[in-house]
Amino acid sequence: MDAIQLFAKNFIRITYKDLPQDIIEVTKKEVLDFLGVALAGYASPGVKELADLVAEWGGKEESTVIYYKRKVPAPMAAWANATMGHGLDFDDVHDLAVLHPGVAVIPACMAIAERKGKVSGKDFITTVAVGVDMICRLTLATWPGYDPAIPETRNLAFQAERVKHGWHFTTIMGYLASAGAVGKLLGLDEERMINAFGIAFHQCSGSHQGRDDGAHTKKLGPGFSVRAGVAAALMAQRGITGPKNVLEGHFGLYKMYFQGGYDP
């Protein structure tokens, strides 16, 4: 069984009452943190230009773009908002996974909750918490041989080996986590949830070259993944299918993108 099936079951099964109180509190803070950095990130070079473009394109009024007095289709709002949230690179960080988890999940949840309507605060917090959990686990699994009790597995040489392929973890894992979060808010069943992951996976990308070259694409990456994740879940809701062995298949994420270097 591909591990993606376990993630699908987790998204469907977990409810607010399953969350420890400390997780609830940190998730609330994470949402507030995202809103703060997004407001600040609006003025970052490349961000306002994208938001202006999204506003210019317009479309069905479903979800709000932060800082704008108008709504656009949910995937587009999520795209713009995620880009704002990552605009200054001040958004939350999981230091061991070396990624920004909130920006890949929160704007997707915001957009689809507004599109759907009548989503409770408890359901929103639960979905963000489970989505953040997923993106961190997906990334931490790329540490084969890591043991927190063995200091040398946290040294720079070990980290360099891990990222040698150049993937931008926030972006590439964000496709899957955002799709799962949106799928949960949409109430997808297990089959459709796995399809959402599969559709999102077929689009997975995200390179560190933009960071090395100082290009705007570094801050744009999470927005690309969130836009795709929202769209993937909406497509799955309508019955569109995706591959089932997303993580561990012969051409799945870990075997194709990381040459089998992962820890189940």
C-alpha atoms as a PDB file:
ATOM      1  CA  MET A   1       0.000   0.000   0.000  1.00  0.00           C
ATOM      2  CA  ASP A   2       1.340   3.411  -0.978  1.00  0.00           C
ATOM      3  CA  ALA A   3       1.745   5.736   2.007  1.00  0.00           C
ATOM      4  CA  ILE A   4      -0.486   8.314   0.280  1.00  0.00           C
ATOM      5  CA  GLN A   5      -3.457   6.138   1.241  1.00  0.00           C
ATOM      6  CA  LEU A   6      -2.571   6.573   4.917  1.00  0.00           C
ATOM      7  CA  PHE A   7      -2.443  10.333   4.467  1.00  0.00           C
ATOM      8  CA  ALA A   8      -5.853  10.250   2.779  1.00  0.00           C
ATOM      9  CA  LYS A   9      -7.329   8.296   5.679  1.00  0.00           C
ATOM     10  CA  ASN A  10      -5.756  10.731   8.126  1.00  0.00           C
ATOM     11  CA  PHE A  11      -7.275  13.775   6.439  1.00  0.00           C
ATOM     12  CA  ILE A  12     -10.711  12.173   6.449  1.00  0.00           C
ATOM     13  CA  ARG A  13     -10.564  10.762   9.986  1.00  0.00           C
ATOM     14  CA  ILE A  14      -9.028  13.541  12.098  1.00  0.00           C
ATOM     15  CA  THR A  15     -11.455  15.934  13.826  1.00  0.00           C
ATOM     16  CA  TYR A  16     -10.991  18.906  16.130  1.00  0.00           C
ATOM     17  CA  LYS A  17     -11.391  16.773  19.240  1.00  0.00           C
ATOM     18  CA  ASP A  18      -8.392  14.695  18.141  1.00  0.00           C
ATOM     19  CA  LEU A  19      -6.061  17.708  18.275  1.00  0.00           C
ATOM     20  CA  PRO A  20      -3.969  18.266  21.435  1.00  0.00           C
ATOM     21  CA  GLN A  21      -4.483  21.708  22.953  1.00  0.00           C
ATOM     22  CA  ASP A  22      -0.931  22.814  22.180  1.00  0.00           C
ATOM     23  CA  ILE A  23      -1.458  21.981  18.511  1.00  0.00           C
ATOM     24  CA  ILE A  24      -4.652  24.048  18.471  1.00  0.00           C
ATOM     25  CA  GLU A  25      -2.855  27.030  19.961  1.00  0.00           C
ATOM     26  CA  VAL A  26       0.150  26.868  17.651  1.00  0.00           C
ATOM     27  CA  THR A  27      -2.145  26.488  14.625  1.00  0.00           C
ATOM     28  CA  LYS A  28      -4.066  29.627  15.588  1.00  0.00           C
ATOM     29  CA  LYS A  29      -0.795  31.508  15.899  1.00  0.00           C
ATOM     30  CA  GLU A  30       0.352  30.113  12.571  1.00  0.00           C
ATOM     31  CA  VAL A  31      -2.755  31.502  10.839  1.00  0.00           C
ATOM     32  CA  LEU A  32      -2.239  34.919  12.435  1.00  0.00           C
ATOM     33  CA  ASP A  33       1.430  34.816  11.474  1.00  0.00           C
ATOM     34  CA  PHE A  34       0.524  34.081   7.863  1.00  0.00           C
ATOM     35  CA  LEU A  35      -1.855  37.038   7.704  1.00  0.00           C
ATOM     36  CA  GLY A  36       0.815  39.327   9.134  1.00  0.00           C
ATOM     37  CA  VAL A  37       3.584  38.303   6.759  1.00  0.00           C
ATOM     38  CA  ALA A  38       1.164  38.354   3.815  1.00  0.00           C
ATOM     39  CA  LEU A  39       0.224  41.976   4.498  1.00  0.00           C
ATOM     40  CA  ALA A  40       3.909  42.847   4.719  1.00  0.00           C
ATOM     41  CA  GLY A  41       4.809  40.741   1.689  1.00  0.00           C
ATOM     42  CA  TYR A  42       2.341  42.539  -0.568  1.00  0.00           C
ATOM     43  CA  ALA A  43       4.900  45.253  -1.318  1.00  0.00           C
ATOM     44  CA  SER A  44       7.711  42.814  -2.078  1.00  0.00           C
ATOM     45  CA  PRO A  45       9.032  42.989  -5.679  1.00  0.00           C
ATOM     46  CA  GLY A  46       7.154  40.593  -7.955  1.00  0.00           C
ATOM     47  CA  VAL A  47       4.268  40.067  -5.535  1.00  0.00           C
ATOM     48  CA  LYS A  48       2.129  43.111  -6.237  1.00  0.00           C
ATOM     49  CA  GLU A  49       2.687  42.566  -9.941  1.00  0.00           C
ATOM     50  CA  LEU A  50       1.275  39.036  -9.683  1.00  0.00           C
ATOM     51  CA  ALA A  51      -1.650  40.156  -7.508  1.00  0.00           C
ATOM     52  CA  ASP A  52      -2.440  42.923 -10.000  1.00  0.00           C
ATOM     53  CA  LEU A  53      -2.387  40.373 -12.808  1.00  0.00           C
ATOM     54  CA  VAL A  54      -4.752  38.045 -10.923  1.00  0.00           C
ATOM     55  CA  ALA A  55      -7.099  40.968 -10.276  1.00  0.00           C
ATOM     56  CA  GLU A  56      -6.900  41.994 -13.943  1.00  0.00           C
ATOM     57  CA  TRP A  57      -7.817  38.475 -15.086  1.00  0.00           C
ATOM     58  CA  GLY A  58     -10.822  38.480 -12.748  1.00  0.00           C
ATOM     59  CA  GLY A  59     -13.305  35.628 -13.097  1.00  0.00           C
ATOM     60  CA  LYS A  60     -15.986  34.160 -10.878  1.00  0.00           C
ATOM     61  CA  GLU A  61     -16.077  35.949  -7.527  1.00  0.00           C
ATOM     62  CA  GLU A  62     -15.331  33.207  -5.002  1.00  0.00           C
ATOM     63  CA  SER A  63     -12.429  34.084  -2.722  1.00  0.00           C
ATOM     64  CA  THR A  64     -10.753  37.263  -1.517  1.00  0.00           C
ATOM     65  CA  VAL A  65      -7.270  38.406  -2.458  1.00  0.00           C
ATOM     66  CA  ILE A  66      -5.648  39.945   0.620  1.00  0.00           C
ATOM     67  CA  TYR A  67      -5.279  43.729   0.322  1.00  0.00           C
ATOM     68  CA  TYR A  68      -7.737  43.904  -2.601  1.00  0.00           C
ATOM     69  CA  LYS A  69     -11.436  44.775  -2.450  1.00  0.00           C
ATOM     70  CA  ARG A  70     -12.479  42.079  -4.880  1.00  0.00           C
ATOM     71  CA  LYS A  71     -12.876  38.329  -5.220  1.00  0.00           C
ATOM     72  CA  VAL A  72     -11.542  35.966  -7.880  1.00  0.00           C
ATOM     73  CA  PRO A  73     -11.765  32.195  -8.492  1.00  0.00           C
ATOM     74  CA  ALA A  74     -10.521  30.221  -5.479  1.00  0.00           C
ATOM     75  CA  PRO A  75      -7.342  28.802  -7.095  1.00  0.00           C
ATOM     76  CA  MET A  76      -6.322  32.292  -8.195  1.00  0.00           C
ATOM     77  CA  ALA A  77      -6.936  33.871  -4.783  1.00  0.00           C
ATOM     78  CA  ALA A  78      -4.931  31.103  -3.126  1.00  0.00           C
ATOM     79  CA  TRP A  79      -2.128  31.687  -5.634  1.00  0.00           C
ATOM     80  CA  ALA A  80      -1.924  35.413  -4.960  1.00  0.00           C
ATOM     81  CA  ASN A  81      -2.254  35.082  -1.179  1.00  0.00           C
ATOM     82  CA  ALA A  82       0.382  32.364  -0.902  1.00  0.00           C
ATOM     83  CA  THR A  83       2.783  34.488  -2.928  1.00  0.00           C
ATOM     84  CA  MET A  84       2.194  37.413  -0.566  1.00  0.00           C
ATOM     85  CA  GLY A  85       2.770  35.158   2.426  1.00  0.00           C
ATOM     86  CA  HIS A  86       6.145  34.060   1.097  1.00  0.00           C
ATOM     87  CA  GLY A  87       7.073  37.437  -0.371  1.00  0.00           C
ATOM     88  CA  LEU A  88       9.544  38.401   2.358  1.00  0.00           C
ATOM     89  CA  ASP A  89      10.542  34.851   3.326  1.00  0.00           C
ATOM     90  CA  PHE A  90       9.529  35.624   6.928  1.00  0.00           C
ATOM     91  CA  ASP A  91       6.764  33.012   7.081  1.00  0.00           C
ATOM     92  CA  ASP A  92       6.915  30.147   9.598  1.00  0.00           C
ATOM     93  CA  VAL A  93       9.727  27.606   9.316  1.00  0.00           C
ATOM     94  CA  HIS A  94      10.189  23.992  10.377  1.00  0.00           C
ATOM     95  CA  ASP A  95      13.922  24.170  10.921  1.00  0.00           C
ATOM     96  CA  LEU A  96      14.654  20.461  10.606  1.00  0.00           C
ATOM     97  CA  ALA A  97      12.451  19.893   7.562  1.00  0.00           C
ATOM     98  CA  VAL A  98      13.820  23.173   6.161  1.00  0.00           C
ATOM     99  CA  LEU A  99      10.559  24.421   4.686  1.00  0.00           C
ATOM    100  CA  HIS A 100       7.740  26.902   5.281  1.00  0.00           C
ATOM    101  CA  PRO A 101       4.673  24.755   6.047  1.00  0.00           C
ATOM    102  CA  GLY A 102       1.936  27.319   6.664  1.00  0.00           C
ATOM    103  CA  VAL A 103       2.152  29.107   3.322  1.00  0.00           C
ATOM    104  CA  ALA A 104       1.437  25.857   1.482  1.00  0.00           C
ATOM    105  CA  VAL A 105      -1.740  25.151   3.453  1.00  0.00           C
ATOM    106  CA  ILE A 106      -3.335  28.247   4.994  1.00  0.00           C
ATOM    107  CA  PRO A 107      -4.080  30.246   1.815  1.00  0.00           C
ATOM    108  CA  ALA A 108      -5.568  27.132   0.198  1.00  0.00           C
ATOM    109  CA  CYS A 109      -7.846  26.639   3.209  1.00  0.00           C
ATOM    110  CA  MET A 110      -8.794  30.330   3.258  1.00  0.00           C
ATOM    111  CA  ALA A 111      -9.758  30.335  -0.406  1.00  0.00           C
ATOM    112  CA  ILE A 112     -11.799  27.151  -0.386  1.00  0.00           C
ATOM    113  CA  ALA A 113     -13.499  27.926   2.948  1.00  0.00           C
ATOM    114  CA  GLU A 114     -14.691  31.245   1.554  1.00  0.00           C
ATOM    115  CA  ARG A 115     -15.784  29.596  -1.689  1.00  0.00           C
ATOM    116  CA  LYS A 116     -17.691  26.881   0.149  1.00  0.00           C
ATOM    117  CA  GLY A 117     -19.081  29.017   2.969  1.00  0.00           C
ATOM    118  CA  LYS A 118     -20.231  27.948   6.437  1.00  0.00           C
ATOM    119  CA  VAL A 119     -16.887  26.354   7.398  1.00  0.00           C
ATOM    120  CA  SER A 120     -16.521  26.421  11.178  1.00  0.00           C
ATOM    121  CA  GLY A 121     -13.438  27.758  12.910  1.00  0.00           C
ATOM    122  CA  LYS A 122     -12.832  24.320  14.403  1.00  0.00           C
ATOM    123  CA  ASP A 123     -12.931  22.652  10.994  1.00  0.00           C
ATOM    124  CA  PHE A 124     -10.601  25.303   9.589  1.00  0.00           C
ATOM    125  CA  ILE A 125      -8.063  24.867  12.395  1.00  0.00           C
ATOM    126  CA  THR A 126      -8.226  21.077  12.104  1.00  0.00           C
ATOM    127  CA  THR A 127      -7.599  21.183   8.373  1.00  0.00           C
ATOM    128  CA  VAL A 128      -4.654  23.551   8.666  1.00  0.00           C
ATOM    129  CA  ALA A 129      -3.116  21.399  11.411  1.00  0.00           C
ATOM    130  CA  VAL A 130      -3.419  18.176   9.405  1.00  0.00           C
ATOM    131  CA  GLY A 131      -2.136  19.846   6.234  1.00  0.00           C
ATOM    132  CA  VAL A 132       0.889  21.266   8.028  1.00  0.00           C
ATOM    133  CA  ASP A 133       1.533  17.860   9.571  1.00  0.00           C
ATOM    134  CA  MET A 134       1.526  16.278   6.127  1.00  0.00           C
ATOM    135  CA  ILE A 135       3.947  18.671   4.446  1.00  0.00           C
ATOM    136  CA  CYS A 136       6.401  18.353   7.338  1.00  0.00           C
ATOM    137  CA  ARG A 137       6.228  14.553   7.326  1.00  0.00           C
ATOM    138  CA  LEU A 138       6.650  14.370   3.554  1.00  0.00           C
ATOM    139  CA  THR A 139       9.807  16.453   3.816  1.00  0.00           C
ATOM    140  CA  LEU A 140      11.242  14.834   6.929  1.00  0.00           C
ATOM    141  CA  ALA A 141      10.958  11.467   5.151  1.00  0.00           C
ATOM    142  CA  THR A 142      13.717  12.620   2.802  1.00  0.00           C
ATOM    143  CA  TRP A 143      16.173  12.206   5.717  1.00  0.00           C
ATOM    144  CA  PRO A 144      17.057   8.517   5.319  1.00  0.00           C
ATOM    145  CA  GLY A 145      19.270   7.542   8.225  1.00  0.00           C
ATOM    146  CA  TYR A 146      18.395  10.591  10.306  1.00  0.00           C
ATOM    147  CA  ASP A 147      18.191   9.939  14.035  1.00  0.00           C
ATOM    148  CA  PRO A 148      17.689  12.877  16.459  1.00  0.00           C
ATOM    149  CA  ALA A 149      19.798  10.981  18.998  1.00  0.00           C
ATOM    150  CA  ILE A 150      22.798  10.973  16.644  1.00  0.00           C
ATOM    151  CA  PRO A 151      24.169  14.541  16.325  1.00  0.00           C
ATOM    152  CA  GLU A 152      26.225  13.851  13.209  1.00  0.00           C
ATOM    153  CA  THR A 153      23.046  13.210  11.219  1.00  0.00           C
ATOM    154  CA  ARG A 154      22.187  16.896  11.651  1.00  0.00           C
ATOM    155  CA  ASN A 155      25.479  18.280  10.376  1.00  0.00           C
ATOM    156  CA  LEU A 156      25.818  20.393   7.243  1.00  0.00           C
ATOM    157  CA  ALA A 157      27.310  17.603   5.141  1.00  0.00           C
ATOM    158  CA  PHE A 158      24.299  15.425   5.873  1.00  0.00           C
ATOM    159  CA  GLN A 159      21.959  18.281   4.984  1.00  0.00           C
ATOM    160  CA  ALA A 160      23.846  18.980   1.752  1.00  0.00           C
ATOM    161  CA  GLU A 161      23.401  15.357   0.690  1.00  0.00           C
ATOM    162  CA  ARG A 162      19.687  15.677   1.336  1.00  0.00           C
ATOM    163  CA  VAL A 163      19.130  18.733  -0.859  1.00  0.00           C
ATOM    164  CA  LYS A 164      21.647  17.913  -3.595  1.00  0.00           C
ATOM    165  CA  HIS A 165      18.888  17.373  -6.157  1.00  0.00           C
ATOM    166  CA  GLY A 166      17.804  20.993  -5.823  1.00  0.00           C
ATOM    167  CA  TRP A 167      14.142  20.612  -4.952  1.00  0.00           C
ATOM    168  CA  HIS A 168      12.477  23.519  -3.137  1.00  0.00           C
ATOM    169  CA  PHE A 169      10.664  21.515  -0.474  1.00  0.00           C
ATOM    170  CA  THR A 170       8.031  24.129   0.388  1.00  0.00           C
ATOM    171  CA  THR A 171       6.909  24.167  -3.212  1.00  0.00           C
ATOM    172  CA  ILE A 172       7.179  20.533  -4.251  1.00  0.00           C
ATOM    173  CA  MET A 173       5.543  19.129  -1.099  1.00  0.00           C
ATOM    174  CA  GLY A 174       3.057  21.997  -1.071  1.00  0.00           C
ATOM    175  CA  TYR A 175       1.236  20.574  -4.078  1.00  0.00           C
ATOM    176  CA  LEU A 176       0.225  17.496  -2.096  1.00  0.00           C
ATOM    177  CA  ALA A 177      -0.453  19.134   1.270  1.00  0.00           C
ATOM    178  CA  SER A 178      -2.642  21.862  -0.201  1.00  0.00           C
ATOM    179  CA  ALA A 179      -4.608  19.324  -2.235  1.00  0.00           C
ATOM    180  CA  GLY A 180      -5.230  17.238   0.887  1.00  0.00           C
ATOM    181  CA  ALA A 181      -6.296  20.239   2.944  1.00  0.00           C
ATOM    182  CA  VAL A 182      -8.746  21.411   0.306  1.00  0.00           C
ATOM    183  CA  GLY A 183     -10.010  17.864  -0.123  1.00  0.00           C
ATOM    184  CA  LYS A 184     -10.792  17.702   3.580  1.00  0.00           C
ATOM    185  CA  LEU A 185     -12.736  20.974   3.527  1.00  0.00           C
ATOM    186  CA  LEU A 186     -14.638  19.756   0.467  1.00  0.00           C
ATOM    187  CA  GLY A 187     -15.510  16.503   2.252  1.00  0.00           C
ATOM    188  CA  LEU A 188     -13.929  14.236  -0.362  1.00  0.00           C
ATOM    189  CA  ASP A 189     -14.147  10.492   0.220  1.00  0.00           C
ATOM    190  CA  GLU A 190     -10.993   8.381   0.229  1.00  0.00           C
ATOM    191  CA  GLU A 191     -11.053   7.601  -3.487  1.00  0.00           C
ATOM    192  CA  ARG A 192     -11.466  11.228  -4.493  1.00  0.00           C
ATOM    193  CA  MET A 193      -8.899  12.336  -1.919  1.00  0.00           C
ATOM    194  CA  ILE A 194      -6.307  10.010  -3.440  1.00  0.00           C
ATOM    195  CA  ASN A 195      -7.227  11.295  -6.882  1.00  0.00           C
ATOM    196  CA  ALA A 196      -6.666  14.846  -5.639  1.00  0.00           C
ATOM    197  CA  PHE A 197      -3.195  13.860  -4.458  1.00  0.00           C
ATOM    198  CA  GLY A 198      -2.525  12.178  -7.796  1.00  0.00           C
ATOM    199  CA  ILE A 199      -3.625  15.178  -9.846  1.00  0.00           C
ATOM    200  CA  ALA A 200      -1.502  17.465  -7.679  1.00  0.00           C
ATOM    201  CA  PHE A 201       1.494  15.132  -7.907  1.00  0.00           C
ATOM    202  CA  HIS A 202       1.390  15.173 -11.709  1.00  0.00           C
ATOM    203  CA  GLN A 203       2.191  18.895 -11.467  1.00  0.00           C
ATOM    204  CA  CYS A 204       4.873  18.751  -8.730  1.00  0.00           C
ATOM    205  CA  SER A 205       7.889  20.931  -9.341  1.00  0.00           C
ATOM    206  CA  GLY A 206       9.996  23.549  -7.570  1.00  0.00           C
ATOM    207  CA  SER A 207      13.702  24.270  -8.043  1.00  0.00           C
ATOM    208  CA  HIS A 208      16.260  26.094  -5.895  1.00  0.00           C
ATOM    209  CA  GLN A 209      17.741  27.703  -9.003  1.00  0.00           C
ATOM    210  CA  GLY A 210      15.493  30.706  -8.495  1.00  0.00           C
ATOM    211  CA  ARG A 211      16.938  31.169  -5.032  1.00  0.00           C
ATOM    212  CA  ASP A 212      20.512  30.842  -6.279  1.00  0.00           C
ATOM    213  CA  ASP A 213      19.896  33.370  -9.039  1.00  0.00           C
ATOM    214  CA  GLY A 214      17.948  35.795  -6.861  1.00  0.00           C
ATOM    215  CA  ALA A 215      14.884  35.464  -9.092  1.00  0.00           C
ATOM    216  CA  HIS A 216      11.298  36.242  -8.110  1.00  0.00           C
ATOM    217  CA  THR A 217      10.380  32.613  -8.728  1.00  0.00           C
ATOM    218  CA  LYS A 218      11.721  31.679  -5.282  1.00  0.00           C
ATOM    219  CA  LYS A 219       8.879  33.604  -3.635  1.00  0.00           C
ATOM    220  CA  LEU A 220       6.412  32.547  -6.350  1.00  0.00           C
ATOM    221  CA  GLY A 221       6.947  28.812  -5.829  1.00  0.00           C
ATOM    222  CA  PRO A 222       4.512  28.180  -2.958  1.00  0.00           C
ATOM    223  CA  GLY A 223       1.818  30.068  -4.848  1.00  0.00           C
ATOM    224  CA  PHE A 224       2.223  27.779  -7.839  1.00  0.00           C
ATOM    225  CA  SER A 225       1.771  24.719  -5.634  1.00  0.00           C
ATOM    226  CA  VAL A 226      -1.233  26.134  -3.769  1.00  0.00           C
ATOM    227  CA  ARG A 227      -3.005  27.145  -6.974  1.00  0.00           C
ATOM    228  CA  ALA A 228      -2.485  23.623  -8.331  1.00  0.00           C
ATOM    229  CA  GLY A 229      -3.506  21.946  -5.070  1.00  0.00           C
ATOM    230  CA  VAL A 230      -6.804  23.808  -4.914  1.00  0.00           C
ATOM    231  CA  ALA A 231      -7.530  23.021  -8.548  1.00  0.00           C
ATOM    232  CA  ALA A 232      -6.557  19.356  -8.065  1.00  0.00           C
ATOM    233  CA  ALA A 233      -9.040  18.850  -5.235  1.00  0.00           C
ATOM    234  CA  LEU A 234     -11.811  20.588  -7.192  1.00  0.00           C
ATOM    235  CA  MET A 235     -11.088  18.369 -10.197  1.00  0.00           C
ATOM    236  CA  ALA A 236     -11.110  15.246  -8.042  1.00  0.00           C
ATOM    237  CA  GLN A 237     -14.457  16.321  -6.594  1.00  0.00           C
ATOM    238  CA  ARG A 238     -15.842  16.157 -10.125  1.00  0.00           C
ATOM    239  CA  GLY A 239     -14.515  12.640 -10.692  1.00  0.00           C
ATOM    240  CA  ILE A 240     -11.250  13.347 -12.523  1.00  0.00           C
ATOM    241  CA  THR A 241      -8.678  10.715 -11.623  1.00  0.00           C
ATOM    242  CA  GLY A 242      -4.975  10.780 -10.846  1.00  0.00           C
ATOM    243  CA  PRO A 243      -2.274   8.163 -10.202  1.00  0.00           C
ATOM    244  CA  LYS A 244      -2.735   6.159  -7.007  1.00  0.00           C
ATOM    245  CA  ASN A 245       0.850   5.313  -6.026  1.00  0.00           C
ATOM    246  CA  VAL A 246       1.915   8.900  -5.625  1.00  0.00           C
ATOM    247  CA  LEU A 247       4.706   8.512  -3.077  1.00  0.00           C
ATOM    248  CA  GLU A 248       6.144   5.019  -3.438  1.00  0.00           C
ATOM    249  CA  GLY A 249       5.211   3.943  -6.944  1.00  0.00           C
ATOM    250  CA  HIS A 250       7.905   3.112  -9.503  1.00  0.00           C
ATOM    251  CA  PHE A 251       7.552   6.673 -10.807  1.00  0.00           C
ATOM    252  CA  GLY A 252       6.297   8.106  -7.526  1.00  0.00           C
ATOM    253  CA  LEU A 253       7.663  11.109  -5.675  1.00  0.00           C
ATOM    254  CA  TYR A 254      10.364   9.405  -3.637  1.00  0.00           C
ATOM    255  CA  LYS A 255      11.628   6.936  -6.221  1.00  0.00           C
ATOM    256  CA  MET A 256      11.623   9.290  -9.194  1.00  0.00           C
ATOM    257  CA  TYR A 257      12.448  12.640  -7.587  1.00  0.00           C
ATOM    258  CA  PHE A 258      14.735  11.402  -4.772  1.00  0.00           C
ATOM    259  CA  GLN A 259      16.107   8.182  -6.304  1.00  0.00           C
ATOM    260  CA  GLY A 260      14.597   6.131  -3.501  1.00  0.00           C
ATOM    261  CA  GLY A 261      16.241   8.215  -0.776  1.00  0.00           C
ATOM    262  CA  TYR A 262      13.522   8.337   1.827  1.00  0.00           C
ATOM    263  CA  ASP A 263      12.471   6.726   5.082  1.00  0.00           C
ATOM    264  CA  PRO A 264       8.941   5.235   5.140  1.00  0.00           C
END
